[in-house]
Amino acid sequence: TVLGGGYPASGAAGADRSPVPYLPEGLRYDPQEGAGEVQTPLLGSPADDLLIGDKVWFRHAKAGELCERFDTLHLIEGDRVTASVPTYRGEGRTFL
């Protein structure tokens, strides 16, 4: 179980709006639960090796929810962070 679990995109609930566990590869949601804002149970062989404090990266369907909650987005290519860019929140702006 990971802390958090991503933020579903706004709109009607569906798989196309849910964040997807991205790294480490091989993680998947428990079929009885999806992404949670507090905690998210994950299954798959990598889940057995995760320790407290390890990072799990999620790929989000849309960036809006992330940009209103976090100061920075990390751009990933393969298995490494290639850049970190400020969001509008990180630039001290709001989207209202």
PDB file of N, CA and C in Angstrom:
ATOM      1  N   THR A   1       0.846  -1.182   0.000  1.00  0.00           N
ATOM      2  CA  THR A   1       0.000   0.000   0.000  1.00  0.00           C
ATOM      3  C   THR A   1       0.886   1.237   0.000  1.00  0.00           C
ATOM      4  N   VAL A   2       0.610   2.151  -0.906  1.00  0.00           N
ATOM      5  CA  VAL A   2       1.391   3.384  -0.987  1.00  0.00           C
ATOM      6  C   VAL A   2       0.592   4.546  -0.402  1.00  0.00           C
ATOM      7  N   LEU A   3       1.325   5.550   0.079  1.00  0.00           N
ATOM      8  CA  LEU A   3       0.696   6.776   0.556  1.00  0.00           C
ATOM      9  C   LEU A   3       0.213   7.546  -0.656  1.00  0.00           C
ATOM     10  N   GLY A   4      -1.028   7.948  -0.661  1.00  0.00           N
ATOM     11  CA  GLY A   4      -1.584   8.634  -1.823  1.00  0.00           C
ATOM     12  C   GLY A   4      -1.919   7.628  -2.915  1.00  0.00           C
ATOM     13  N   GLY A   5      -1.685   8.015  -4.132  1.00  0.00           N
ATOM     14  CA  GLY A   5      -1.990   7.116  -5.237  1.00  0.00           C
ATOM     15  C   GLY A   5      -2.430   7.861  -6.465  1.00  0.00           C
ATOM     16  N   GLY A   6      -2.230   9.136  -6.438  1.00  0.00           N
ATOM     17  CA  GLY A   6      -2.570   9.881  -7.628  1.00  0.00           C
ATOM     18  C   GLY A   6      -3.928  10.534  -7.526  1.00  0.00           C
ATOM     19  N   TYR A   7      -4.234  11.292  -8.537  1.00  0.00           N
ATOM     20  CA  TYR A   7      -5.468  12.064  -8.566  1.00  0.00           C
ATOM     21  C   TYR A   7      -6.207  11.760  -9.854  1.00  0.00           C
ATOM     22  N   PRO A   8      -7.417  11.198  -9.764  1.00  0.00           N
ATOM     23  CA  PRO A   8      -8.198  10.961 -10.972  1.00  0.00           C
ATOM     24  C   PRO A   8      -8.513  12.277 -11.676  1.00  0.00           C
ATOM     25  N   ALA A   9      -8.583  12.229 -12.988  1.00  0.00           N
ATOM     26  CA  ALA A   9      -8.944  13.411 -13.774  1.00  0.00           C
ATOM     27  C   ALA A   9     -10.415  13.744 -13.536  1.00  0.00           C
ATOM     28  N   SER A  10     -10.760  15.003 -13.668  1.00  0.00           N
ATOM     29  CA  SER A  10     -12.142  15.419 -13.478  1.00  0.00           C
ATOM     30  C   SER A  10     -13.023  14.841 -14.579  1.00  0.00           C
ATOM     31  N   GLY A  11     -14.301  14.755 -14.296  1.00  0.00           N
ATOM     32  CA  GLY A  11     -15.251  14.202 -15.254  1.00  0.00           C
ATOM     33  C   GLY A  11     -15.805  12.876 -14.764  1.00  0.00           C
ATOM     34  N   ALA A  12     -16.551  12.210 -15.623  1.00  0.00           N
ATOM     35  CA  ALA A  12     -17.156  10.922 -15.271  1.00  0.00           C
ATOM     36  C   ALA A  12     -16.071   9.896 -14.963  1.00  0.00           C
ATOM     37  N   ALA A  13     -16.274   9.132 -13.888  1.00  0.00           N
ATOM     38  CA  ALA A  13     -15.292   8.125 -13.489  1.00  0.00           C
ATOM     39  C   ALA A  13     -15.120   7.078 -14.580  1.00  0.00           C
ATOM     40  N   GLY A  14     -13.901   6.650 -14.783  1.00  0.00           N
ATOM     41  CA  GLY A  14     -13.603   5.620 -15.769  1.00  0.00           C
ATOM     42  C   GLY A  14     -12.109   5.359 -15.817  1.00  0.00           C
ATOM     43  N   ALA A  15     -11.734   4.244 -16.425  1.00  0.00           N
ATOM     44  CA  ALA A  15     -10.325   3.869 -16.511  1.00  0.00           C
ATOM     45  C   ALA A  15      -9.498   4.927 -17.233  1.00  0.00           C
ATOM     46  N   ASP A  16     -10.122   5.642 -18.171  1.00  0.00           N
ATOM     47  CA  ASP A  16      -9.393   6.667 -18.922  1.00  0.00           C
ATOM     48  C   ASP A  16      -9.109   7.914 -18.087  1.00  0.00           C
ATOM     49  N   ARG A  17      -9.651   7.987 -16.887  1.00  0.00           N
ATOM     50  CA  ARG A  17      -9.437   9.150 -16.018  1.00  0.00           C
ATOM     51  C   ARG A  17      -8.578   8.809 -14.804  1.00  0.00           C
ATOM     52  N   SER A  18      -8.208   7.552 -14.659  1.00  0.00           N
ATOM     53  CA  SER A  18      -7.438   7.121 -13.497  1.00  0.00           C
ATOM     54  C   SER A  18      -5.941   7.193 -13.754  1.00  0.00           C
ATOM     55  N   PRO A  19      -5.169   7.570 -12.720  1.00  0.00           N
ATOM     56  CA  PRO A  19      -3.723   7.482 -12.857  1.00  0.00           C
ATOM     57  C   PRO A  19      -3.319   6.011 -12.953  1.00  0.00           C
ATOM     58  N   VAL A  20      -2.203   5.743 -13.607  1.00  0.00           N
ATOM     59  CA  VAL A  20      -1.733   4.372 -13.809  1.00  0.00           C
ATOM     60  C   VAL A  20      -0.386   4.213 -13.118  1.00  0.00           C
ATOM     61  N   PRO A  21      -0.210   3.163 -12.284  1.00  0.00           N
ATOM     62  CA  PRO A  21       1.114   2.922 -11.720  1.00  0.00           C
ATOM     63  C   PRO A  21       2.120   2.736 -12.860  1.00  0.00           C
ATOM     64  N   TYR A  22       3.206   3.504 -12.843  1.00  0.00           N
ATOM     65  CA  TYR A  22       4.149   3.531 -13.962  1.00  0.00           C
ATOM     66  C   TYR A  22       5.496   2.898 -13.602  1.00  0.00           C
ATOM     67  N   LEU A  23       6.089   3.350 -12.515  1.00  0.00           N
ATOM     68  CA  LEU A  23       7.372   2.794 -12.074  1.00  0.00           C
ATOM     69  C   LEU A  23       7.303   2.528 -10.582  1.00  0.00           C
ATOM     70  N   PRO A  24       7.839   1.427 -10.110  1.00  0.00           N
ATOM     71  CA  PRO A  24       8.457   0.355 -10.866  1.00  0.00           C
ATOM     72  C   PRO A  24       7.442  -0.393 -11.731  1.00  0.00           C
ATOM     73  N   GLU A  25       7.926  -0.888 -12.847  1.00  0.00           N
ATOM     74  CA  GLU A  25       7.063  -1.622 -13.779  1.00  0.00           C
ATOM     75  C   GLU A  25       6.499  -2.870 -13.115  1.00  0.00           C
ATOM     76  N   GLY A  26       5.283  -3.225 -13.507  1.00  0.00           N
ATOM     77  CA  GLY A  26       4.669  -4.454 -13.030  1.00  0.00           C
ATOM     78  C   GLY A  26       3.679  -4.264 -11.897  1.00  0.00           C
ATOM     79  N   LEU A  27       3.498  -3.033 -11.434  1.00  0.00           N
ATOM     80  CA  LEU A  27       2.508  -2.780 -10.389  1.00  0.00           C
ATOM     81  C   LEU A  27       1.134  -2.594 -11.018  1.00  0.00           C
ATOM     82  N   ARG A  28       0.106  -2.987 -10.283  1.00  0.00           N
ATOM     83  CA  ARG A  28      -1.269  -2.823 -10.762  1.00  0.00           C
ATOM     84  C   ARG A  28      -2.175  -2.617  -9.556  1.00  0.00           C
ATOM     85  N   TYR A  29      -3.357  -2.081  -9.837  1.00  0.00           N
ATOM     86  CA  TYR A  29      -4.329  -1.867  -8.772  1.00  0.00           C
ATOM     87  C   TYR A  29      -4.931  -3.180  -8.312  1.00  0.00           C
ATOM     88  N   ASP A  30      -5.324  -3.212  -7.049  1.00  0.00           N
ATOM     89  CA  ASP A  30      -6.157  -4.280  -6.524  1.00  0.00           C
ATOM     90  C   ASP A  30      -7.502  -4.140  -7.235  1.00  0.00           C
ATOM     91  N   PRO A  31      -8.080  -5.221  -7.777  1.00  0.00           N
ATOM     92  CA  PRO A  31      -9.344  -5.088  -8.507  1.00  0.00           C
ATOM     93  C   PRO A  31     -10.498  -4.556  -7.650  1.00  0.00           C
ATOM     94  N   GLN A  32     -10.376  -4.634  -6.325  1.00  0.00           N
ATOM     95  CA  GLN A  32     -11.424  -4.141  -5.437  1.00  0.00           C
ATOM     96  C   GLN A  32     -11.279  -2.651  -5.116  1.00  0.00           C
ATOM     97  N   GLU A  33     -10.132  -2.054  -5.497  1.00  0.00           N
ATOM     98  CA  GLU A  33      -9.882  -0.647  -5.180  1.00  0.00           C
ATOM     99  C   GLU A  33      -9.138   0.011  -6.330  1.00  0.00           C
ATOM    100  N   GLY A  34      -9.225   1.314  -6.402  1.00  0.00           N
ATOM    101  CA  GLY A  34      -8.476   2.074  -7.398  1.00  0.00           C
ATOM    102  C   GLY A  34      -7.537   3.029  -6.697  1.00  0.00           C
ATOM    103  N   ALA A  35      -7.208   4.112  -7.376  1.00  0.00           N
ATOM    104  CA  ALA A  35      -6.325   5.118  -6.793  1.00  0.00           C
ATOM    105  C   ALA A  35      -7.047   5.845  -5.670  1.00  0.00           C
ATOM    106  N   GLY A  36      -6.353   6.041  -4.577  1.00  0.00           N
ATOM    107  CA  GLY A  36      -6.925   6.765  -3.452  1.00  0.00           C
ATOM    108  C   GLY A  36      -6.079   7.974  -3.115  1.00  0.00           C
ATOM    109  N   GLU A  37      -6.713   9.021  -2.618  1.00  0.00           N
ATOM    110  CA  GLU A  37      -5.953  10.217  -2.242  1.00  0.00           C
ATOM    111  C   GLU A  37      -5.192  10.005  -0.941  1.00  0.00           C
ATOM    112  N   VAL A  38      -5.601   9.034  -0.120  1.00  0.00           N
ATOM    113  CA  VAL A  38      -4.925   8.773   1.143  1.00  0.00           C
ATOM    114  C   VAL A  38      -3.988   7.579   1.022  1.00  0.00           C
ATOM    115  N   GLN A  39      -4.484   6.473   0.504  1.00  0.00           N
ATOM    116  CA  GLN A  39      -3.650   5.284   0.327  1.00  0.00           C
ATOM    117  C   GLN A  39      -4.171   4.473  -0.845  1.00  0.00           C
ATOM    118  N   THR A  40      -3.259   3.704  -1.455  1.00  0.00           N
ATOM    119  CA  THR A  40      -3.617   2.893  -2.611  1.00  0.00           C
ATOM    120  C   THR A  40      -2.932   1.537  -2.512  1.00  0.00           C
ATOM    121  N   PRO A  41      -3.705   0.455  -2.367  1.00  0.00           N
ATOM    122  CA  PRO A  41      -3.093  -0.866  -2.377  1.00  0.00           C
ATOM    123  C   PRO A  41      -2.657  -1.226  -3.801  1.00  0.00           C
ATOM    124  N   LEU A  42      -1.433  -1.706  -3.947  1.00  0.00           N
ATOM    125  CA  LEU A  42      -0.920  -2.128  -5.247  1.00  0.00           C
ATOM    126  C   LEU A  42      -0.492  -3.583  -5.181  1.00  0.00           C
ATOM    127  N   LEU A  43      -0.660  -4.269  -6.296  1.00  0.00           N
ATOM    128  CA  LEU A  43      -0.281  -5.673  -6.412  1.00  0.00           C
ATOM    129  C   LEU A  43       0.785  -5.823  -7.480  1.00  0.00           C
ATOM    130  N   GLY A  44       1.407  -6.996  -7.536  1.00  0.00           N
ATOM    131  CA  GLY A  44       2.444  -7.288  -8.518  1.00  0.00           C
ATOM    132  C   GLY A  44       3.751  -7.588  -7.804  1.00  0.00           C
ATOM    133  N   SER A  45       4.644  -8.300  -8.473  1.00  0.00           N
ATOM    134  CA  SER A  45       5.889  -8.710  -7.822  1.00  0.00           C
ATOM    135  C   SER A  45       6.713  -7.544  -7.284  1.00  0.00           C
ATOM    136  N   PRO A  46       6.750  -6.366  -7.936  1.00  0.00           N
ATOM    137  CA  PRO A  46       7.522  -5.263  -7.353  1.00  0.00           C
ATOM    138  C   PRO A  46       6.967  -4.793  -6.004  1.00  0.00           C
ATOM    139  N   ALA A  47       5.676  -5.001  -5.762  1.00  0.00           N
ATOM    140  CA  ALA A  47       5.070  -4.554  -4.505  1.00  0.00           C
ATOM    141  C   ALA A  47       5.710  -5.252  -3.308  1.00  0.00           C
ATOM    142  N   ASP A  48       6.121  -6.507  -3.492  1.00  0.00           N
ATOM    143  CA  ASP A  48       6.732  -7.260  -2.396  1.00  0.00           C
ATOM    144  C   ASP A  48       8.078  -6.687  -1.974  1.00  0.00           C
ATOM    145  N   ASP A  49       8.749  -5.982  -2.878  1.00  0.00           N
ATOM    146  CA  ASP A  49      10.086  -5.457  -2.595  1.00  0.00           C
ATOM    147  C   ASP A  49      10.086  -4.004  -2.135  1.00  0.00           C
ATOM    148  N   LEU A  50       8.934  -3.343  -2.147  1.00  0.00           N
ATOM    149  CA  LEU A  50       8.879  -1.936  -1.751  1.00  0.00           C
ATOM    150  C   LEU A  50       9.068  -1.786  -0.245  1.00  0.00           C
ATOM    151  N   LEU A  51       9.869  -0.801   0.125  1.00  0.00           N
ATOM    152  CA  LEU A  51      10.108  -0.485   1.527  1.00  0.00           C
ATOM    153  C   LEU A  51       9.488   0.870   1.851  1.00  0.00           C
ATOM    154  N   ILE A  52       9.271   1.131   3.124  1.00  0.00           N
ATOM    155  CA  ILE A  52       8.753   2.435   3.531  1.00  0.00           C
ATOM    156  C   ILE A  52       9.694   3.509   3.010  1.00  0.00           C
ATOM    157  N   GLY A  53       9.136   4.490   2.329  1.00  0.00           N
ATOM    158  CA  GLY A  53       9.924   5.583   1.770  1.00  0.00           C
ATOM    159  C   GLY A  53      10.276   5.416   0.306  1.00  0.00           C
ATOM    160  N   ASP A  54      10.109   4.207  -0.257  1.00  0.00           N
ATOM    161  CA  ASP A  54      10.363   4.011  -1.689  1.00  0.00           C
ATOM    162  C   ASP A  54       9.341   4.791  -2.500  1.00  0.00           C
ATOM    163  N   LYS A  55       9.751   5.238  -3.661  1.00  0.00           N
ATOM    164  CA  LYS A  55       8.855   6.003  -4.533  1.00  0.00           C
ATOM    165  C   LYS A  55       8.171   5.085  -5.543  1.00  0.00           C
ATOM    166  N   VAL A  56       6.898   5.360  -5.782  1.00  0.00           N
ATOM    167  CA  VAL A  56       6.138   4.748  -6.867  1.00  0.00           C
ATOM    168  C   VAL A  56       5.624   5.910  -7.707  1.00  0.00           C
ATOM    169  N   TRP A  57       5.882   5.854  -9.004  1.00  0.00           N
ATOM    170  CA  TRP A  57       5.474   6.930  -9.914  1.00  0.00           C
ATOM    171  C   TRP A  57       4.188   6.523 -10.619  1.00  0.00           C
ATOM    172  N   PHE A  58       3.267   7.477 -10.722  1.00  0.00           N
ATOM    173  CA  PHE A  58       2.010   7.264 -11.434  1.00  0.00           C
ATOM    174  C   PHE A  58       1.990   8.156 -12.668  1.00  0.00           C
ATOM    175  N   ARG A  59       1.413   7.632 -13.746  1.00  0.00           N
ATOM    176  CA  ARG A  59       1.187   8.435 -14.949  1.00  0.00           C
ATOM    177  C   ARG A  59      -0.271   8.882 -14.903  1.00  0.00           C
ATOM    178  N   HIS A  60      -0.490  10.185 -14.950  1.00  0.00           N
ATOM    179  CA  HIS A  60      -1.837  10.736 -14.821  1.00  0.00           C
ATOM    180  C   HIS A  60      -2.470  10.993 -16.182  1.00  0.00           C
ATOM    181  N   ALA A  61      -3.792  10.881 -16.224  1.00  0.00           N
ATOM    182  CA  ALA A  61      -4.527  11.083 -17.476  1.00  0.00           C
ATOM    183  C   ALA A  61      -4.503  12.547 -17.900  1.00  0.00           C
ATOM    184  N   LYS A  62      -4.541  13.447 -16.935  1.00  0.00           N
ATOM    185  CA  LYS A  62      -4.537  14.892 -17.214  1.00  0.00           C
ATOM    186  C   LYS A  62      -3.659  15.574 -16.166  1.00  0.00           C
ATOM    187  N   ALA A  63      -3.110  16.707 -16.504  1.00  0.00           N
ATOM    188  CA  ALA A  63      -2.189  17.393 -15.594  1.00  0.00           C
ATOM    189  C   ALA A  63      -2.870  18.399 -14.675  1.00  0.00           C
ATOM    190  N   GLY A  64      -4.120  18.754 -14.935  1.00  0.00           N
ATOM    191  CA  GLY A  64      -4.769  19.814 -14.171  1.00  0.00           C
ATOM    192  C   GLY A  64      -4.778  19.586 -12.673  1.00  0.00           C
ATOM    193  N   GLU A  65      -5.135  18.383 -12.246  1.00  0.00           N
ATOM    194  CA  GLU A  65      -5.195  18.096 -10.813  1.00  0.00           C
ATOM    195  C   GLU A  65      -3.808  18.187 -10.188  1.00  0.00           C
ATOM    196  N   LEU A  66      -2.796  17.759 -10.907  1.00  0.00           N
ATOM    197  CA  LEU A  66      -1.426  17.843 -10.388  1.00  0.00           C
ATOM    198  C   LEU A  66      -0.963  19.289 -10.294  1.00  0.00           C
ATOM    199  N   CYS A  67      -1.275  20.071 -11.317  1.00  0.00           N
ATOM    200  CA  CYS A  67      -0.798  21.458 -11.373  1.00  0.00           C
ATOM    201  C   CYS A  67      -1.430  22.339 -10.310  1.00  0.00           C
ATOM    202  N   GLU A  68      -2.614  21.957  -9.826  1.00  0.00           N
ATOM    203  CA  GLU A  68      -3.221  22.783  -8.781  1.00  0.00           C
ATOM    204  C   GLU A  68      -2.789  22.346  -7.384  1.00  0.00           C
ATOM    205  N   ARG A  69      -2.108  21.201  -7.265  1.00  0.00           N
ATOM    206  CA  ARG A  69      -1.695  20.706  -5.953  1.00  0.00           C
ATOM    207  C   ARG A  69      -0.186  20.754  -5.708  1.00  0.00           C
ATOM    208  N   PHE A  70       0.611  20.722  -6.788  1.00  0.00           N
ATOM    209  CA  PHE A  70       2.064  20.617  -6.638  1.00  0.00           C
ATOM    210  C   PHE A  70       2.779  21.766  -7.332  1.00  0.00           C
ATOM    211  N   ASP A  71       3.952  22.109  -6.814  1.00  0.00           N
ATOM    212  CA  ASP A  71       4.750  23.204  -7.368  1.00  0.00           C
ATOM    213  C   ASP A  71       5.550  22.799  -8.601  1.00  0.00           C
ATOM    214  N   THR A  72       5.865  21.497  -8.727  1.00  0.00           N
ATOM    215  CA  THR A  72       6.776  21.026  -9.773  1.00  0.00           C
ATOM    216  C   THR A  72       6.256  19.740 -10.390  1.00  0.00           C
ATOM    217  N   LEU A  73       6.419  19.595 -11.703  1.00  0.00           N
ATOM    218  CA  LEU A  73       6.183  18.331 -12.399  1.00  0.00           C
ATOM    219  C   LEU A  73       7.541  17.779 -12.818  1.00  0.00           C
ATOM    220  N   HIS A  74       7.719  16.459 -12.666  1.00  0.00           N
ATOM    221  CA  HIS A  74       8.956  15.806 -13.077  1.00  0.00           C
ATOM    222  C   HIS A  74       8.711  15.107 -14.407  1.00  0.00           C
ATOM    223  N   LEU A  75       9.524  15.403 -15.396  1.00  0.00           N
ATOM    224  CA  LEU A  75       9.412  14.780 -16.711  1.00  0.00           C
ATOM    225  C   LEU A  75      10.319  13.562 -16.730  1.00  0.00           C
ATOM    226  N   ILE A  76       9.742  12.419 -17.111  1.00  0.00           N
ATOM    227  CA  ILE A  76      10.465  11.153 -17.056  1.00  0.00           C
ATOM    228  C   ILE A  76      10.632  10.599 -18.456  1.00  0.00           C
ATOM    229  N   GLU A  77      11.828  10.146 -18.745  1.00  0.00           N
ATOM    230  CA  GLU A  77      12.121   9.449 -19.996  1.00  0.00           C
ATOM    231  C   GLU A  77      12.770   8.130 -19.613  1.00  0.00           C
ATOM    232  N   GLY A  78      12.107   7.031 -19.993  1.00  0.00           N
ATOM    233  CA  GLY A  78      12.608   5.727 -19.562  1.00  0.00           C
ATOM    234  C   GLY A  78      12.451   5.605 -18.063  1.00  0.00           C
ATOM    235  N   ASP A  79      13.561   5.408 -17.367  1.00  0.00           N
ATOM    236  CA  ASP A  79      13.493   5.266 -15.914  1.00  0.00           C
ATOM    237  C   ASP A  79      14.212   6.395 -15.176  1.00  0.00           C
ATOM    238  N   ARG A  80      14.385   7.530 -15.841  1.00  0.00           N
ATOM    239  CA  ARG A  80      15.051   8.644 -15.167  1.00  0.00           C
ATOM    240  C   ARG A  80      14.320   9.967 -15.379  1.00  0.00           C
ATOM    241  N   VAL A  81      14.489  10.842 -14.423  1.00  0.00           N
ATOM    242  CA  VAL A  81      13.917  12.187 -14.499  1.00  0.00           C
ATOM    243  C   VAL A  81      14.813  13.016 -15.408  1.00  0.00           C
ATOM    244  N   THR A  82      14.251  13.549 -16.492  1.00  0.00           N
ATOM    245  CA  THR A  82      15.037  14.342 -17.442  1.00  0.00           C
ATOM    246  C   THR A  82      14.911  15.838 -17.192  1.00  0.00           C
ATOM    247  N   ALA A  83      13.855  16.248 -16.517  1.00  0.00           N
ATOM    248  CA  ALA A  83      13.677  17.671 -16.208  1.00  0.00           C
ATOM    249  C   ALA A  83      12.608  17.809 -15.132  1.00  0.00           C
ATOM    250  N   SER A  84      12.658  18.913 -14.439  1.00  0.00           N
ATOM    251  CA  SER A  84      11.613  19.288 -13.489  1.00  0.00           C
ATOM    252  C   SER A  84      11.167  20.694 -13.865  1.00  0.00           C
ATOM    253  N   VAL A  85       9.860  20.878 -14.004  1.00  0.00           N
ATOM    254  CA  VAL A  85       9.334  22.161 -14.467  1.00  0.00           C
ATOM    255  C   VAL A  85       8.292  22.678 -13.475  1.00  0.00           C
ATOM    256  N   PRO A  86       8.225  24.000 -13.304  1.00  0.00           N
ATOM    257  CA  PRO A  86       7.240  24.547 -12.368  1.00  0.00           C
ATOM    258  C   PRO A  86       5.830  24.471 -12.953  1.00  0.00           C
ATOM    259  N   THR A  87       4.877  24.271 -12.078  1.00  0.00           N
ATOM    260  CA  THR A  87       3.470  24.358 -12.465  1.00  0.00           C
ATOM    261  C   THR A  87       3.022  25.798 -12.264  1.00  0.00           C
ATOM    262  N   TYR A  88       1.775  26.105 -12.624  1.00  0.00           N
ATOM    263  CA  TYR A  88       1.302  27.461 -12.355  1.00  0.00           C
ATOM    264  C   TYR A  88       1.243  27.729 -10.861  1.00  0.00           C
ATOM    265  N   ARG A  89       1.001  26.702 -10.064  1.00  0.00           N
ATOM    266  CA  ARG A  89       1.064  26.878  -8.604  1.00  0.00           C
ATOM    267  C   ARG A  89       2.494  27.207  -8.189  1.00  0.00           C
ATOM    268  N   GLY A  90       3.463  26.493  -8.778  1.00  0.00           N
ATOM    269  CA  GLY A  90       4.868  26.732  -8.472  1.00  0.00           C
ATOM    270  C   GLY A  90       5.335  28.117  -8.878  1.00  0.00           C
ATOM    271  N   GLU A  91       4.642  28.713  -9.826  1.00  0.00           N
ATOM    272  CA  GLU A  91       4.956  30.082 -10.248  1.00  0.00           C
ATOM    273  C   GLU A  91       4.156  31.113  -9.458  1.00  0.00           C
ATOM    274  N   GLY A  92       3.421  30.640  -8.432  1.00  0.00           N
ATOM    275  CA  GLY A  92       2.660  31.549  -7.581  1.00  0.00           C
ATOM    276  C   GLY A  92       1.347  32.003  -8.173  1.00  0.00           C
ATOM    277  N   ARG A  93       0.808  31.232  -9.114  1.00  0.00           N
ATOM    278  CA  ARG A  93      -0.454  31.608  -9.766  1.00  0.00           C
ATOM    279  C   ARG A  93      -1.569  30.665  -9.344  1.00  0.00           C
ATOM    280  N   THR A  94      -2.796  31.029  -9.665  1.00  0.00           N
ATOM    281  CA  THR A  94      -3.942  30.156  -9.436  1.00  0.00           C
ATOM    282  C   THR A  94      -4.725  30.028 -10.726  1.00  0.00           C
ATOM    283  N   PHE A  95      -5.518  28.989 -10.805  1.00  0.00           N
ATOM    284  CA  PHE A  95      -6.287  28.727 -12.017  1.00  0.00           C
ATOM    285  C   PHE A  95      -7.770  28.842 -11.705  1.00  0.00           C
ATOM    286  N   LEU A  96      -8.188  29.974 -11.194  1.00  0.00           N
ATOM    287  CA  LEU A  96      -9.604  30.186 -10.878  1.00  0.00           C
ATOM    288  C   LEU A  96     -10.057  31.502 -11.433  1.00  0.00           C
TER     289      LEU A  96
END
